[in-house]
Amino acid sequence: MPVAGRNRYKANERPQQFTLDEDIYEIAAVLDQWYEPSATSFKVHITEGKTYLLHYDVDTDEWTLQSGFDGE
């Protein structure tokens, strides 16, 4: 499972990095951010040039990751 930024997300923070398969990916830019009743989602661009969707679920304190948002 990916881990974004710090283990616990706070409303005034944005993810700075995430870990996937033991590799750390630095987030170069947050392209978009939106809120749901118990979650926050971020469309992020990493330094390697790819775009991902990170989703933080407040109720479960878990992050999920989706890729393929950069036209590939």
Protein backbone atom coordinates (compact mmCIF):
# COMPACT_ATOMS: atom_id res chain seq x y z
CA MET A 1 0.00 0.00 0.00
CA PRO A 2 1.23 3.48 -0.70
CA VAL A 3 1.98 5.88 2.09
CA ALA A 4 1.71 9.56 1.33
CA GLY A 5 3.54 12.29 3.19
CA ARG A 6 3.24 11.75 6.90
CA ASN A 7 1.35 8.77 8.28
CA ARG A 8 -1.60 10.86 9.43
CA TYR A 9 -3.05 13.40 7.10
CA LYS A 10 -4.29 16.72 8.45
CA ALA A 11 -6.69 19.00 6.60
CA ASN A 12 -4.12 21.79 6.14
CA GLU A 13 -1.42 19.51 4.73
CA ARG A 14 -0.69 18.14 1.30
CA PRO A 15 1.31 15.00 0.53
CA GLN A 16 4.99 15.57 -0.23
CA GLN A 17 5.93 12.02 -1.19
CA PHE A 18 4.59 8.49 -1.26
CA THR A 19 6.08 5.02 -0.98
CA LEU A 20 5.18 2.23 -3.36
CA ASP A 21 6.90 -1.17 -3.39
CA GLU A 22 9.59 0.23 -1.05
CA ASP A 23 10.44 3.06 -3.48
CA ILE A 24 9.92 6.68 -2.42
CA TYR A 25 8.43 9.07 -5.00
CA GLU A 26 8.74 12.83 -4.47
CA ILE A 27 5.73 14.92 -5.42
CA ALA A 28 6.73 17.85 -7.61
CA ALA A 29 3.27 19.44 -7.75
CA VAL A 30 -0.29 18.99 -6.54
CA LEU A 31 -2.32 19.52 -9.72
CA ASP A 32 -5.76 19.26 -8.14
CA GLN A 33 -7.37 18.55 -4.78
CA TRP A 34 -10.96 17.78 -3.88
CA TYR A 35 -12.93 16.79 -0.80
CA GLU A 36 -15.56 14.18 -0.08
CA PRO A 37 -17.43 13.78 3.21
CA SER A 38 -14.79 11.49 4.74
CA ALA A 39 -11.92 11.69 2.25
CA THR A 40 -9.56 13.96 0.37
CA SER A 41 -8.11 13.27 -3.06
CA PHE A 42 -5.03 14.73 -4.72
CA LYS A 43 -3.96 14.60 -8.35
CA VAL A 44 -0.17 14.81 -8.14
CA HIS A 45 2.76 15.03 -10.53
CA ILE A 46 5.95 13.33 -9.34
CA THR A 47 9.53 14.34 -10.14
CA GLU A 48 9.86 11.35 -12.51
CA GLY A 49 7.20 12.93 -14.74
CA LYS A 50 4.17 10.73 -14.06
CA THR A 51 0.78 11.76 -12.68
CA TYR A 52 -1.06 9.84 -9.94
CA LEU A 53 -4.27 10.09 -7.95
CA LEU A 54 -3.80 9.79 -4.18
CA HIS A 55 -6.88 9.28 -2.03
CA TYR A 56 -6.89 9.63 1.77
CA ASP A 57 -9.79 8.01 3.69
CA VAL A 58 -10.24 9.71 7.05
CA ASP A 59 -12.37 6.92 8.56
CA THR A 60 -9.81 4.18 7.92
CA ASP A 61 -6.69 6.43 8.02
CA GLU A 62 -5.56 4.80 4.75
CA TRP A 63 -4.13 6.08 1.49
CA THR A 64 -4.82 4.51 -1.91
CA LEU A 65 -3.06 5.19 -5.19
CA GLN A 66 -4.15 5.11 -8.84
CA SER A 67 -1.86 5.61 -11.81
CA GLY A 68 -2.40 6.19 -15.50
CA PHE A 69 -3.52 9.82 -15.34
CA ASP A 70 -0.82 11.13 -17.66
CA GLY A 71 -2.02 9.72 -20.97
CA GLU A 72 0.10 6.55 -20.88
